[in-house]
Amino acid sequence: MLEYPQIDPVLFKIGPLALHWYGLMYVLGFAATFFLVRRQIRLHAIEELAPVFENLNMVLLISLVLGGRLGYVLFYNFSYYLDHPLQIVNTLGGGMSFHGALLGVLVGGFWFCKRHKLHFLKMADLYVATIPVGLGLGRIGNFINGELYGRVTEMPWAMVFPGGGPLPRHPSQLYEAALEGALLFVLLVWMAAVQRKKGWGHGSILAFFLVYYGILRSFVEFFREPDGHIGLLAGLVSRGQVLSIAMLGTGLLLLRYVLKRPPSP
C-alpha cells in the first residue's frame, strides 16, 4: 500500500484570498486550450476565427461553468436542489459535472458559431482536441483534494484517503488523469493528423473525442467509488457510466454521419 501524500489543497494564501491547487488546474487547462487553439489558427491559417477568438473563448468559459454546475444539479442531485434551489449557486462545497460542462460548451459554441457564421463542427474539432489537457490537470486537482477517490482494493498501489475511511482504495483520480488526460490527448492529436491526411469531414475529431472518452470513462468508473447518494444503478453501473455510454453512442452516430460526407475544404 502506498501512503497518500498530504498536500495542502491551498497553494498559497494572501489575507482573505487563497489560491487552491484545483483552481490553478482550471486556469492551466484554460491556458492550454487558449494557446493550443491559437497555434492551430496560425498554423492552418483559420482566418475566420482569428477576429473573434477571444470572444469565443469567453463564451466557452462561461458555458463550461454554467453547464458543469447545472449538469451536476440535474444528473447527480436533482431532488436535493429541487428542495433547496438557492443552493444551486453555492459552488463552494463543490459539485461540477464534466458531462454537463461538455453539453454547456457545445451549446454555447453552437450559439456563437451560428451568430458569427462560423462552421460549428470545424471549430469543435479545434477545441475538443485540447480538452484532455484540462481533464488530466483537473483529475490531479481532485487527487490533491482527496476527492473522487476509488473503490476499496488490495492492490499494492492502493491508498487510504482522508475522507474515504480506513480502508485502502484505488487512486482512481490518477487513472483518469492518465487515461482521460494523457492517453486521450495523444489519441486525438493522432486522429487530427489522420483527418488532415485522409480529408475526413469536419466533426470527425469531435466524434472520436466522444467515442474515446465514453470508452475510457466507462472503464475507469469500475474503479471509482460511486456517488454515495446514488450508488450503482440496478446494482451494475454508475451514473457516470450511463452518461459516458450515451456519449459513446452519440459519437458513433456522429462519426458515421461525418465519414459519409465528402471531404471538407
Protein backbone atom coordinates (compact mmCIF):
# COMPACT_ATOMS: atom_id res chain seq x y z
CA MET A 1 0.00 0.00 0.00
CA LEU A 2 1.23 3.49 -0.82
CA GLU A 3 0.93 6.43 1.53
CA TYR A 4 -1.39 9.18 0.37
CA PRO A 5 0.65 12.41 0.08
CA GLN A 6 -0.80 15.03 2.39
CA ILE A 7 -0.71 18.08 0.12
CA ASP A 8 -2.38 21.26 1.33
CA PRO A 9 -5.21 21.99 -1.14
CA VAL A 10 -4.39 25.70 -0.73
CA LEU A 11 -1.34 26.59 -2.78
CA PHE A 12 -0.90 29.95 -1.09
CA LYS A 13 -2.97 32.49 0.79
CA ILE A 14 -2.73 36.26 0.98
CA GLY A 15 -5.11 37.70 3.56
CA PRO A 16 -8.65 36.54 2.70
CA LEU A 17 -7.60 35.49 -0.81
CA ALA A 18 -6.49 31.92 -1.38
CA LEU A 19 -5.37 30.06 -4.50
CA HIS A 20 -6.25 26.38 -4.43
CA TRP A 21 -4.43 23.74 -6.43
CA TYR A 22 -7.73 22.75 -8.03
CA GLY A 23 -8.36 26.32 -9.14
CA LEU A 24 -4.84 26.51 -10.54
CA MET A 25 -5.51 23.36 -12.57
CA TYR A 26 -8.57 25.03 -14.10
CA VAL A 27 -6.50 28.09 -15.03
CA LEU A 28 -3.76 25.94 -16.57
CA GLY A 29 -6.34 23.94 -18.51
CA PHE A 30 -7.94 27.09 -19.91
CA ALA A 31 -4.50 28.49 -20.77
CA ALA A 32 -3.52 25.27 -22.56
CA THR A 33 -6.67 25.38 -24.68
CA PHE A 34 -6.11 29.05 -25.50
CA PHE A 35 -2.52 28.61 -26.68
CA LEU A 36 -3.05 25.29 -28.47
CA VAL A 37 -6.06 26.54 -30.42
CA ARG A 38 -4.32 29.82 -31.24
CA ARG A 39 -1.37 27.84 -32.56
CA GLN A 40 -3.72 25.86 -34.84
CA ILE A 41 -5.28 29.10 -36.10
CA ARG A 42 -1.85 30.36 -37.14
CA LEU A 43 -0.54 27.02 -38.40
CA HIS A 44 -3.54 26.30 -40.62
CA ALA A 45 -4.47 29.92 -41.41
CA ILE A 46 -8.00 29.72 -39.99
CA GLU A 47 -8.65 33.37 -40.75
CA GLU A 48 -12.38 33.37 -40.00
CA LEU A 49 -11.77 32.54 -36.31
CA ALA A 50 -8.94 34.96 -35.58
CA PRO A 51 -11.05 38.16 -35.22
CA VAL A 52 -13.48 36.60 -32.71
CA PHE A 53 -11.13 34.16 -30.98
CA GLU A 54 -11.06 35.89 -27.58
CA ASN A 55 -14.84 36.39 -27.54
CA LEU A 56 -15.43 32.73 -28.36
CA ASN A 57 -13.13 31.69 -25.52
CA MET A 58 -15.09 33.84 -23.08
CA VAL A 59 -18.40 32.34 -24.21
CA LEU A 60 -16.98 28.82 -23.88
CA LEU A 61 -15.60 29.54 -20.41
CA ILE A 62 -18.96 30.83 -19.17
CA SER A 63 -20.76 27.93 -20.86
CA LEU A 64 -18.40 25.42 -19.23
CA VAL A 65 -19.01 26.75 -15.72
CA LEU A 66 -22.77 27.04 -16.14
CA GLY A 67 -23.06 23.67 -17.85
CA GLY A 68 -20.86 21.95 -15.30
CA ARG A 69 -22.91 23.24 -12.40
CA LEU A 70 -26.33 22.66 -13.97
CA GLY A 71 -25.21 19.23 -15.12
CA TYR A 72 -24.34 18.26 -11.56
CA VAL A 73 -27.68 19.58 -10.32
CA LEU A 74 -29.69 17.70 -12.97
CA PHE A 75 -27.66 14.49 -13.32
CA TYR A 76 -26.45 13.84 -9.79
CA ASN A 77 -28.55 15.53 -7.11
CA PHE A 78 -31.75 16.89 -8.65
CA SER A 79 -34.05 16.01 -5.75
CA TYR A 80 -31.86 17.86 -3.25
CA TYR A 81 -31.64 21.04 -5.33
CA LEU A 82 -35.35 20.86 -6.08
CA ASP A 83 -35.90 21.24 -2.33
CA HIS A 84 -33.02 23.73 -1.89
CA PRO A 85 -32.99 25.86 -5.07
CA LEU A 86 -30.84 28.61 -3.54
CA GLN A 87 -28.01 26.09 -3.14
CA ILE A 88 -27.70 25.78 -6.90
CA VAL A 89 -25.48 28.87 -7.00
CA ASN A 90 -23.42 27.75 -3.99
CA THR A 91 -20.40 26.12 -5.61
CA LEU A 92 -18.08 26.48 -2.61
CA GLY A 93 -18.89 22.95 -1.50
CA GLY A 94 -18.11 21.51 -4.93
CA GLY A 95 -20.44 19.93 -7.42
CA MET A 96 -19.46 20.10 -11.08
CA SER A 97 -20.25 17.57 -13.81
CA PHE A 98 -17.95 17.00 -16.78
CA HIS A 99 -20.82 15.75 -18.93
CA GLY A 100 -22.80 18.88 -18.08
CA ALA A 101 -19.79 21.08 -18.80
CA LEU A 102 -19.36 19.42 -22.19
CA LEU A 103 -23.01 19.98 -23.05
CA GLY A 104 -22.70 23.60 -21.95
CA VAL A 105 -19.63 24.16 -24.11
CA LEU A 106 -21.28 22.55 -27.15
CA VAL A 107 -24.45 24.62 -26.77
CA GLY A 108 -22.52 27.85 -26.15
CA GLY A 109 -20.16 27.12 -29.02
CA PHE A 110 -23.03 26.33 -31.39
CA TRP A 111 -24.79 29.58 -30.50
CA PHE A 112 -21.63 31.62 -31.01
CA CYS A 113 -20.75 29.94 -34.31
CA LYS A 114 -24.25 30.44 -35.67
CA ARG A 115 -24.22 34.10 -34.66
CA HIS A 116 -20.81 34.76 -36.25
CA LYS A 117 -21.31 32.47 -39.27
CA LEU A 118 -18.55 30.03 -38.29
CA HIS A 119 -18.55 26.33 -39.15
CA PHE A 120 -19.50 24.75 -35.82
CA LEU A 121 -18.04 21.27 -36.44
CA LYS A 122 -14.79 22.78 -37.71
CA MET A 123 -14.45 24.90 -34.58
CA ALA A 124 -15.44 21.95 -32.38
CA ASP A 125 -12.63 19.84 -33.84
CA LEU A 126 -10.12 22.55 -32.94
CA TYR A 127 -11.23 22.80 -29.33
CA VAL A 128 -12.06 19.24 -28.30
CA ALA A 129 -8.55 18.07 -29.17
CA THR A 130 -7.29 20.26 -26.31
CA ILE A 131 -9.86 19.21 -23.69
CA PRO A 132 -7.82 16.24 -22.38
CA VAL A 133 -5.14 18.62 -21.11
CA GLY A 134 -7.62 20.30 -18.78
CA LEU A 135 -9.19 16.96 -17.89
CA GLY A 136 -5.86 15.49 -16.82
CA LEU A 137 -4.95 18.55 -14.77
CA GLY A 138 -8.40 18.60 -13.15
CA ARG A 139 -8.06 14.96 -12.04
CA ILE A 140 -4.71 15.76 -10.47
CA GLY A 141 -6.52 18.55 -8.62
CA ASN A 142 -9.12 16.01 -7.45
CA PHE A 143 -6.29 13.80 -6.18
CA ILE A 144 -4.70 16.66 -4.23
CA ASN A 145 -8.11 17.44 -2.70
CA GLY A 146 -8.55 13.77 -1.75
CA GLU A 147 -11.93 13.64 -3.53
CA LEU A 148 -13.50 11.36 -6.15
CA TYR A 149 -11.35 8.50 -4.85
CA GLY A 150 -11.67 4.90 -5.95
CA ARG A 151 -13.24 1.75 -4.61
CA VAL A 152 -11.74 -0.38 -1.88
CA THR A 153 -8.96 -2.64 -3.15
CA GLU A 154 -5.99 -4.72 -2.05
CA MET A 155 -3.74 -3.65 -4.93
CA PRO A 156 -0.22 -2.68 -3.78
CA TRP A 157 -0.60 0.90 -5.01
CA ALA A 158 -3.83 1.49 -3.07
CA MET A 159 -4.06 4.47 -0.72
CA VAL A 160 -6.05 5.45 2.35
CA PHE A 161 -7.73 8.75 1.52
CA PRO A 162 -8.55 11.17 4.37
CA GLY A 163 -12.27 11.21 3.57
CA GLY A 164 -12.55 7.63 2.41
CA GLY A 165 -12.50 5.74 5.66
CA PRO A 166 -9.77 3.41 6.99
CA LEU A 167 -9.62 1.02 4.00
CA PRO A 168 -7.18 1.40 1.07
CA ARG A 169 -8.69 2.49 -2.22
CA HIS A 170 -7.80 2.83 -5.89
CA PRO A 171 -6.25 6.24 -6.69
CA SER A 172 -8.78 6.46 -9.49
CA GLN A 173 -8.14 10.18 -9.98
CA LEU A 174 -4.67 9.26 -11.27
CA TYR A 175 -6.12 6.57 -13.52
CA GLU A 176 -8.39 9.21 -15.01
CA ALA A 177 -5.53 11.71 -15.37
CA ALA A 178 -3.57 9.10 -17.33
CA LEU A 179 -6.43 7.80 -19.48
CA GLU A 180 -8.78 10.76 -19.95
CA GLY A 181 -5.86 13.17 -19.93
CA ALA A 182 -2.58 11.93 -21.41
CA LEU A 183 -3.80 8.96 -23.46
CA LEU A 184 -6.86 10.75 -24.85
CA PHE A 185 -4.75 13.75 -25.84
CA VAL A 186 -2.33 11.52 -27.77
CA LEU A 187 -5.20 9.71 -29.49
CA LEU A 188 -6.88 12.94 -30.59
CA VAL A 189 -3.65 14.50 -31.87
CA TRP A 190 -3.06 11.33 -33.86
CA MET A 191 -6.62 11.35 -35.24
CA ALA A 192 -6.28 15.03 -36.17
CA ALA A 193 -3.22 14.15 -38.26
CA VAL A 194 -5.15 11.30 -39.91
CA GLN A 195 -8.10 13.64 -40.54
CA ARG A 196 -5.91 16.06 -42.48
CA LYS A 197 -4.29 13.22 -44.42
CA LYS A 198 -7.50 11.44 -45.39
CA GLY A 199 -9.65 14.54 -45.76
CA TRP A 200 -12.33 13.44 -43.30
CA GLY A 201 -15.20 15.87 -42.84
CA HIS A 202 -15.37 18.44 -40.07
CA GLY A 203 -16.68 16.92 -36.86
CA SER A 204 -14.61 13.76 -37.01
CA ILE A 205 -12.35 14.81 -34.11
CA LEU A 206 -15.41 15.70 -32.04
CA ALA A 207 -16.84 12.28 -32.85
CA PHE A 208 -13.64 10.48 -31.89
CA PHE A 209 -13.48 12.50 -28.67
CA LEU A 210 -16.99 11.40 -27.71
CA VAL A 211 -16.21 7.77 -28.56
CA TYR A 212 -12.81 7.56 -26.87
CA TYR A 213 -13.86 9.47 -23.77
CA GLY A 214 -17.01 7.38 -23.46
CA ILE A 215 -14.94 4.19 -23.54
CA LEU A 216 -12.19 5.38 -21.19
CA ARG A 217 -14.52 6.94 -18.63
CA SER A 218 -16.80 3.89 -18.64
CA PHE A 219 -13.77 1.70 -17.95
CA VAL A 220 -12.37 3.87 -15.16
CA GLU A 221 -15.76 4.02 -13.43
CA PHE A 222 -15.29 0.36 -12.46
CA PHE A 223 -12.50 1.54 -10.14
CA ARG A 224 -14.08 4.80 -8.94
CA GLU A 225 -16.31 4.93 -5.87
CA PRO A 226 -19.92 5.69 -6.96
CA ASP A 227 -21.64 8.73 -5.51
CA GLY A 228 -22.91 7.75 -2.07
CA HIS A 229 -26.41 9.12 -2.57
CA ILE A 230 -26.78 7.37 -5.95
CA GLY A 231 -24.78 4.15 -5.76
CA LEU A 232 -24.86 1.72 -8.67
CA LEU A 233 -27.90 1.80 -10.93
CA ALA A 234 -29.53 -1.64 -10.99
CA GLY A 235 -26.54 -2.73 -8.92
CA LEU A 236 -24.36 -2.72 -12.04
CA VAL A 237 -23.38 0.66 -13.46
CA SER A 238 -22.69 4.13 -12.09
CA ARG A 239 -24.33 7.35 -13.20
CA GLY A 240 -21.04 8.35 -14.81
CA GLN A 241 -21.07 5.16 -16.91
CA VAL A 242 -24.63 5.78 -18.09
CA LEU A 243 -23.71 9.30 -19.23
CA SER A 244 -20.47 8.08 -20.83
CA ILE A 245 -22.26 5.31 -22.73
CA ALA A 246 -24.65 7.97 -24.04
CA MET A 247 -21.58 9.95 -25.17
CA LEU A 248 -20.19 6.87 -26.88
CA GLY A 249 -23.43 6.26 -28.77
CA THR A 250 -23.65 9.91 -29.84
CA GLY A 251 -20.05 9.83 -31.01
CA LEU A 252 -20.62 6.71 -33.12
CA LEU A 253 -23.66 8.28 -34.79
CA LEU A 254 -21.75 11.49 -35.49
CA LEU A 255 -18.77 9.53 -36.82
CA ARG A 256 -21.00 7.60 -39.20
CA TYR A 257 -22.52 10.87 -40.43
CA VAL A 258 -19.16 12.63 -40.84
CA LEU A 259 -17.34 9.82 -42.63
CA LYS A 260 -20.15 9.51 -45.21
CA ARG A 261 -19.83 13.19 -46.15
CA PRO A 262 -17.44 14.39 -48.86
CA PRO A 263 -14.05 15.74 -47.72
CA SER A 264 -14.20 19.20 -46.16
CA PRO A 265 -12.33 22.17 -47.63
